[in-house]
Structure formats: structure tokens, C-alpha cells
Amino acid sequence: MKRSIILLSILAFVLGGCFSAKVAGLGNSDVDRMQTKYPGLTLDQLKQGQSLFESNCATCHPLKEPKAYTEEAWAQLVPGMSKKVNDNASNTLSESDQDLILKYVITMKTKP
């Protein structure tokens, strides 16, 4: 029992650190870098995309690193996975939501 509590505490600490790192890693420099690709992109939009990515994609599988796929692959994956979310969940992802997710993963993919 004591071992389980210790392991759960360690797991919570590690996962909490990972989540905090993702949130802290998103900033105005990301918006500035993507202005030529996505004119008018805002930090709020990127944060919405991040939130949608984390809350919907993680319901079925571990989150993929944005750098794991090419931009072209993400452009195909996001609509396909969104369809699965819409088929299997009580909430739905609109085309606008999909666009925010795609902009988020492409932005984070290109992060130096």
C-alpha cells in the first residue's frame, strides 16, 4: 500500500511537470514566428488550439509531439482524428476547432 502511494505521488509530480512545461512553452515569440504563415494569428488562438489538442486527443491515446509528423501529415491526421472524436464523444470538434488544433501543432512543430 505504501509503495502504491509513493508511486502515485511520483507519477503525479512527473505528469504535473510535463503539463506545466507545455503551458509555459507557448508565447508571443511563437505568434511572431508564424505571422507570415498565419496572418492575424493570436496567442489566444494558439492557447485554444493547445487546449483542444490536449483535451480531445488525449482521450484516446497519448499526445503526440508536434515534431513527430510533417505539416502535411498533421493536415491529414487532424481531420481524421477529429472525426473519431466526433463519432465517439459527447462533444464535437468543429472545422474551426480543427483549424486551431492544426495551427497549434504546426506552430509547435516549427519551434526552434
C-alpha atoms as a PDB file:
ATOM      1  CA  MET A   1       0.000   0.000   0.000  1.00  0.00           C
ATOM      2  CA  LYS A   2       2.774   2.397   0.961  1.00  0.00           C
ATOM      3  CA  ARG A   3       4.602   1.554  -2.288  1.00  0.00           C
ATOM      4  CA  SER A   4       1.454   2.381  -4.316  1.00  0.00           C
ATOM      5  CA  ILE A   5       1.093   5.771  -2.649  1.00  0.00           C
ATOM      6  CA  ILE A   6       4.730   6.606  -3.342  1.00  0.00           C
ATOM      7  CA  LEU A   7       4.431   5.541  -6.994  1.00  0.00           C
ATOM      8  CA  LEU A   8       1.232   7.545  -7.460  1.00  0.00           C
ATOM      9  CA  SER A   9       2.875  10.596  -5.891  1.00  0.00           C
ATOM     10  CA  ILE A  10       5.855  10.318  -8.233  1.00  0.00           C
ATOM     11  CA  LEU A  11       3.579   9.864 -11.236  1.00  0.00           C
ATOM     12  CA  ALA A  12       1.501  12.921 -10.290  1.00  0.00           C
ATOM     13  CA  PHE A  13       4.666  15.001  -9.904  1.00  0.00           C
ATOM     14  CA  VAL A  14       6.051  13.914 -13.281  1.00  0.00           C
ATOM     15  CA  LEU A  15       2.777  14.445 -15.131  1.00  0.00           C
ATOM     16  CA  GLY A  16       2.270  17.803 -13.460  1.00  0.00           C
ATOM     17  CA  GLY A  17       5.726  18.878 -14.600  1.00  0.00           C
ATOM     18  CA  CYS A  18       5.012  17.807 -18.181  1.00  0.00           C
ATOM     19  CA  PHE A  19       1.748  19.731 -18.297  1.00  0.00           C
ATOM     20  CA  SER A  20       3.338  22.842 -16.818  1.00  0.00           C
ATOM     21  CA  ALA A  21       6.132  22.705 -19.379  1.00  0.00           C
ATOM     22  CA  LYS A  22       3.650  22.628 -22.260  1.00  0.00           C
ATOM     23  CA  VAL A  23       1.719  25.638 -20.984  1.00  0.00           C
ATOM     24  CA  ALA A  24       4.862  27.623 -20.185  1.00  0.00           C
ATOM     25  CA  GLY A  25       6.330  26.884 -23.630  1.00  0.00           C
ATOM     26  CA  LEU A  26       3.717  28.857 -25.569  1.00  0.00           C
ATOM     27  CA  GLY A  27       4.301  32.577 -26.007  1.00  0.00           C
ATOM     28  CA  ASN A  28       4.318  35.680 -28.177  1.00  0.00           C
ATOM     29  CA  SER A  29       7.507  34.546 -29.890  1.00  0.00           C
ATOM     30  CA  ASP A  30       5.514  31.613 -31.308  1.00  0.00           C
ATOM     31  CA  VAL A  31       2.868  34.008 -32.634  1.00  0.00           C
ATOM     32  CA  ASP A  32       5.512  36.289 -34.153  1.00  0.00           C
ATOM     33  CA  ARG A  33       7.255  33.363 -35.859  1.00  0.00           C
ATOM     34  CA  MET A  34       4.020  32.207 -37.518  1.00  0.00           C
ATOM     35  CA  GLN A  35       2.637  35.574 -38.693  1.00  0.00           C
ATOM     36  CA  THR A  36       3.721  35.056 -42.307  1.00  0.00           C
ATOM     37  CA  LYS A  37       2.110  31.615 -42.447  1.00  0.00           C
ATOM     38  CA  TYR A  38      -0.986  32.528 -40.425  1.00  0.00           C
ATOM     39  CA  PRO A  39      -1.547  36.315 -40.677  1.00  0.00           C
ATOM     40  CA  GLY A  40      -3.558  37.607 -37.741  1.00  0.00           C
ATOM     41  CA  LEU A  41      -2.789  34.582 -35.543  1.00  0.00           C
ATOM     42  CA  THR A  42      -3.127  35.433 -31.851  1.00  0.00           C
ATOM     43  CA  LEU A  43      -1.702  33.929 -28.698  1.00  0.00           C
ATOM     44  CA  ASP A  44      -5.270  33.287 -27.542  1.00  0.00           C
ATOM     45  CA  GLN A  45      -5.925  31.202 -30.668  1.00  0.00           C
ATOM     46  CA  LEU A  46      -2.771  29.168 -30.061  1.00  0.00           C
ATOM     47  CA  LYS A  47      -3.806  28.578 -26.449  1.00  0.00           C
ATOM     48  CA  GLN A  48      -7.272  27.481 -27.616  1.00  0.00           C
ATOM     49  CA  GLY A  49      -5.653  25.097 -30.106  1.00  0.00           C
ATOM     50  CA  GLN A  50      -3.404  23.736 -27.373  1.00  0.00           C
ATOM     51  CA  SER A  51      -6.346  23.208 -25.053  1.00  0.00           C
ATOM     52  CA  LEU A  52      -8.373  21.455 -27.757  1.00  0.00           C
ATOM     53  CA  PHE A  53      -5.382  19.295 -28.690  1.00  0.00           C
ATOM     54  CA  GLU A  54      -4.697  18.268 -25.106  1.00  0.00           C
ATOM     55  CA  SER A  55      -8.304  17.726 -24.028  1.00  0.00           C
ATOM     56  CA  ASN A  56      -9.521  15.854 -27.112  1.00  0.00           C
ATOM     57  CA  CYS A  57      -6.533  13.964 -28.467  1.00  0.00           C
ATOM     58  CA  ALA A  58      -5.527  12.576 -25.079  1.00  0.00           C
ATOM     59  CA  THR A  59      -8.924  10.942 -24.607  1.00  0.00           C
ATOM     60  CA  CYS A  60      -7.933   8.114 -26.989  1.00  0.00           C
ATOM     61  CA  HIS A  61      -4.127   7.954 -26.954  1.00  0.00           C
ATOM     62  CA  PRO A  62      -1.008   9.599 -25.531  1.00  0.00           C
ATOM     63  CA  LEU A  63      -0.380  13.018 -27.030  1.00  0.00           C
ATOM     64  CA  LYS A  64       1.973  13.050 -29.986  1.00  0.00           C
ATOM     65  CA  GLU A  65       4.809  15.518 -30.110  1.00  0.00           C
ATOM     66  CA  PRO A  66       4.133  18.097 -32.834  1.00  0.00           C
ATOM     67  CA  LYS A  67       7.603  17.419 -34.287  1.00  0.00           C
ATOM     68  CA  ALA A  68       6.700  13.735 -34.736  1.00  0.00           C
ATOM     69  CA  TYR A  69       4.898  14.410 -38.037  1.00  0.00           C
ATOM     70  CA  THR A  70       5.329  16.604 -41.077  1.00  0.00           C
ATOM     71  CA  GLU A  71       2.992  19.508 -41.698  1.00  0.00           C
ATOM     72  CA  GLU A  72       1.352  17.502 -44.483  1.00  0.00           C
ATOM     73  CA  ALA A  73       0.814  14.549 -42.151  1.00  0.00           C
ATOM     74  CA  TRP A  74      -0.762  16.777 -39.488  1.00  0.00           C
ATOM     75  CA  ALA A  75      -3.059  18.264 -42.153  1.00  0.00           C
ATOM     76  CA  GLN A  76      -4.374  14.742 -42.778  1.00  0.00           C
ATOM     77  CA  LEU A  77      -4.277  13.484 -39.185  1.00  0.00           C
ATOM     78  CA  VAL A  78      -6.211  16.313 -37.553  1.00  0.00           C
ATOM     79  CA  PRO A  79      -9.409  15.927 -39.635  1.00  0.00           C
ATOM     80  CA  GLY A  80      -9.279  12.129 -39.378  1.00  0.00           C
ATOM     81  CA  MET A  81      -8.797  12.141 -35.624  1.00  0.00           C
ATOM     82  CA  SER A  82     -11.439  14.863 -35.226  1.00  0.00           C
ATOM     83  CA  LYS A  83     -13.926  12.605 -36.980  1.00  0.00           C
ATOM     84  CA  LYS A  84     -13.101   9.847 -34.498  1.00  0.00           C
ATOM     85  CA  VAL A  85     -13.572  12.262 -31.586  1.00  0.00           C
ATOM     86  CA  ASN A  86     -16.901  13.386 -33.023  1.00  0.00           C
ATOM     87  CA  ASP A  87     -18.023   9.783 -33.535  1.00  0.00           C
ATOM     88  CA  ASN A  88     -17.002   8.614 -30.057  1.00  0.00           C
ATOM     89  CA  ALA A  89     -17.501  11.573 -27.731  1.00  0.00           C
ATOM     90  CA  SER A  90     -20.363  13.658 -26.473  1.00  0.00           C
ATOM     91  CA  ASN A  91     -18.631  16.842 -27.631  1.00  0.00           C
ATOM     92  CA  THR A  92     -17.800  17.682 -31.213  1.00  0.00           C
ATOM     93  CA  LEU A  93     -14.894  19.406 -32.882  1.00  0.00           C
ATOM     94  CA  SER A  94     -15.933  21.950 -35.481  1.00  0.00           C
ATOM     95  CA  GLU A  95     -13.875  22.850 -38.540  1.00  0.00           C
ATOM     96  CA  SER A  96     -12.819  25.963 -36.639  1.00  0.00           C
ATOM     97  CA  ASP A  97     -11.631  23.799 -33.736  1.00  0.00           C
ATOM     98  CA  GLN A  98      -9.703  21.594 -36.152  1.00  0.00           C
ATOM     99  CA  ASP A  99      -8.083  24.681 -37.656  1.00  0.00           C
ATOM    100  CA  LEU A 100      -6.977  25.861 -34.199  1.00  0.00           C
ATOM    101  CA  ILE A 101      -5.513  22.436 -33.398  1.00  0.00           C
ATOM    102  CA  LEU A 102      -3.676  22.353 -36.724  1.00  0.00           C
ATOM    103  CA  LYS A 103      -2.264  25.858 -36.235  1.00  0.00           C
ATOM    104  CA  TYR A 104      -1.128  24.898 -32.748  1.00  0.00           C
ATOM    105  CA  VAL A 105       0.688  21.695 -33.776  1.00  0.00           C
ATOM    106  CA  ILE A 106       2.282  23.344 -36.828  1.00  0.00           C
ATOM    107  CA  THR A 107       3.433  26.265 -34.680  1.00  0.00           C
ATOM    108  CA  MET A 108       4.924  23.959 -32.061  1.00  0.00           C
ATOM    109  CA  LYS A 109       6.456  21.768 -34.782  1.00  0.00           C
ATOM    110  CA  THR A 110       8.438  24.735 -36.053  1.00  0.00           C
ATOM    111  CA  LYS A 111       9.550  25.862 -32.588  1.00  0.00           C
ATOM    112  CA  PRO A 112      13.343  26.142 -32.513  1.00  0.00           C
END
